[in-house]
Protein backbone atom coordinates (compact mmCIF):
# COMPACT_ATOMS: atom_id res chain seq x y z
CA MET A 1 -59.13 16.23 89.93
CA ASP A 2 -56.36 15.14 86.77
CA SER A 3 -55.89 18.30 84.49
CA PRO A 4 -55.76 17.56 80.70
CA GLN A 5 -52.19 17.67 80.43
CA ASP A 6 -51.78 14.90 83.16
CA GLU A 7 -53.21 12.65 80.53
CA VAL A 8 -51.53 9.89 78.73
CA LYS A 9 -52.65 9.54 75.45
CA PRO A 10 -51.73 6.00 73.47
CA VAL A 11 -49.69 6.24 70.54
CA GLU A 12 -50.04 3.49 67.70
CA ILE A 13 -46.89 2.67 66.14
CA GLU A 14 -46.01 0.35 63.01
CA VAL A 15 -42.99 -1.44 62.78
CA THR A 16 -41.70 -2.70 59.50
CA THR A 17 -38.91 -4.73 59.07
CA VAL A 18 -37.23 -4.86 55.68
CA GLU A 19 -35.01 -6.85 54.76
CA PRO A 20 -32.33 -6.83 52.38
CA GLU A 21 -32.41 -8.59 48.78
CA THR A 22 -29.51 -11.50 49.06
CA GLU A 23 -27.61 -12.32 46.10
CA ASP A 24 -25.11 -14.88 45.29
CA VAL A 25 -22.40 -12.89 45.27
CA LYS A 26 -19.27 -14.60 45.93
CA GLN A 27 -16.42 -12.39 46.98
CA LYS A 28 -12.56 -13.59 47.51
CA VAL A 29 -10.92 -12.18 50.43
CA ARG A 30 -6.87 -12.48 50.49
CA VAL A 31 -5.28 -11.56 53.43
CA GLU A 32 -1.69 -9.95 53.71
CA GLU A 33 0.56 -9.45 56.85
CA PHE A 34 3.67 -7.14 56.77
CA SER A 35 5.92 -6.20 59.44
CA ILE A 36 6.35 -2.76 60.23
CA SER A 37 8.15 -0.15 63.19
CA GLY A 38 6.13 1.22 64.79
CA ASP A 39 6.80 4.88 64.08
CA ALA A 40 5.60 4.33 60.87
CA LEU A 41 2.15 2.41 61.93
CA VAL A 42 -0.23 5.66 61.80
CA SER A 43 0.56 6.61 58.08
CA LYS A 44 0.31 2.63 56.89
CA ILE A 45 -3.01 2.41 58.44
CA LYS A 46 -4.08 5.85 57.20
CA GLU A 47 -2.93 5.01 53.13
CA LEU A 48 -4.07 1.49 53.95
CA ILE A 49 -7.90 2.93 54.86
CA HIS A 50 -8.00 5.59 51.82
CA GLN A 51 -7.00 1.83 49.27
CA GLY A 52 -10.98 1.59 49.99
CA ASN A 53 -10.78 -2.46 49.18
CA ILE A 54 -9.82 -3.52 52.82
CA ARG A 55 -12.44 -5.31 55.25
CA ARG A 56 -10.50 -5.61 58.27
CA ILE A 57 -7.18 -4.59 59.50
CA THR A 58 -5.37 -6.54 62.49
CA ILE A 59 -2.24 -5.12 64.12
CA LYS A 60 -0.27 -7.96 66.13
CA ASN A 61 2.79 -7.38 68.04
CA GLU A 62 5.84 -9.40 68.04
CA GLU A 63 4.77 -12.70 69.48
CA GLY A 64 1.95 -12.78 67.23
CA HIS A 65 -0.94 -11.82 69.96
CA THR A 66 -3.55 -9.31 68.49
CA LEU A 67 -3.40 -5.85 69.67
CA ILE A 68 -6.07 -4.37 67.99
CA GLU A 69 -8.75 -5.28 65.41
CA ILE A 70 -10.37 -2.97 63.36
CA PRO A 71 -13.20 -3.67 61.44
CA LEU A 72 -13.61 -1.55 58.16
CA THR A 73 -17.53 -0.66 55.62
CA ILE A 74 -16.89 0.40 52.69
CA GLY A 75 -18.29 4.09 53.79
CA VAL A 76 -15.04 4.62 55.57
CA VAL A 77 -13.27 6.65 53.13
CA GLY A 78 -11.70 9.90 52.22
CA GLY A 79 -13.01 12.32 55.05
CA VAL A 80 -14.45 9.96 57.42
CA VAL A 81 -10.88 8.81 58.32
CA GLY A 82 -10.42 12.33 59.91
CA THR A 83 -13.35 12.42 61.56
CA ALA A 84 -15.09 9.24 62.95
CA MET A 85 -12.22 7.52 62.91
CA PHE A 86 -9.89 9.78 65.08
CA PRO A 87 -10.02 7.68 68.52
CA ILE A 88 -9.41 4.69 66.82
CA VAL A 89 -6.01 6.47 64.92
CA ALA A 90 -4.96 7.66 68.42
CA ALA A 91 -5.19 4.08 69.93
CA ILE A 92 -2.71 2.84 67.14
CA GLY A 93 -0.46 5.64 67.60
CA ALA A 94 -0.28 4.86 71.27
CA ILE A 95 0.37 1.21 70.12
CA GLY A 96 3.10 2.34 67.70
CA ALA A 97 4.80 4.84 70.16
CA LEU A 98 4.56 1.87 72.80
CA VAL A 99 5.91 -1.26 70.31
CA ALA A 100 9.03 -1.35 68.35
CA HIS A 101 8.01 -4.10 65.67
CA LEU A 102 4.04 -4.70 64.43
CA THR A 103 2.76 -6.99 62.12
CA ILE A 104 -0.19 -5.60 60.02
CA ALA A 105 -2.84 -8.16 58.84
CA ILE A 106 -5.19 -6.86 56.51
CA GLU A 107 -8.27 -8.46 54.65
CA LYS A 108 -8.66 -7.49 51.16
CA VAL A 109 -12.10 -7.88 49.22
CA GLU A 110 -11.02 -8.74 45.53
CA GLY A 111 -14.51 -9.28 44.17
CA SER A 112 -17.58 -7.95 44.39
């Protein structure tokens, strides 16, 4: 015999999908590239993240091959760099220790 604890009760779940309102907002994205030494890489990346208007950071080696690409959101500012971004910053530090000359490409959002 089945006890009342063994009964499975059906559960009704109502799912509502909310789509964001879209507006015709044009954003201008500018890409800047500059060379940097490996030992200054982590401090420069932290500085760039604190600027807040950067969409993506790409780190390339001397031959131009992409080593790491970091997509950033508007929410990544301030204290988040120290906590949520720690694994990424650690990886960047390892890259900086292994590669002497790097190129950083940043995508900046100019309009909103």
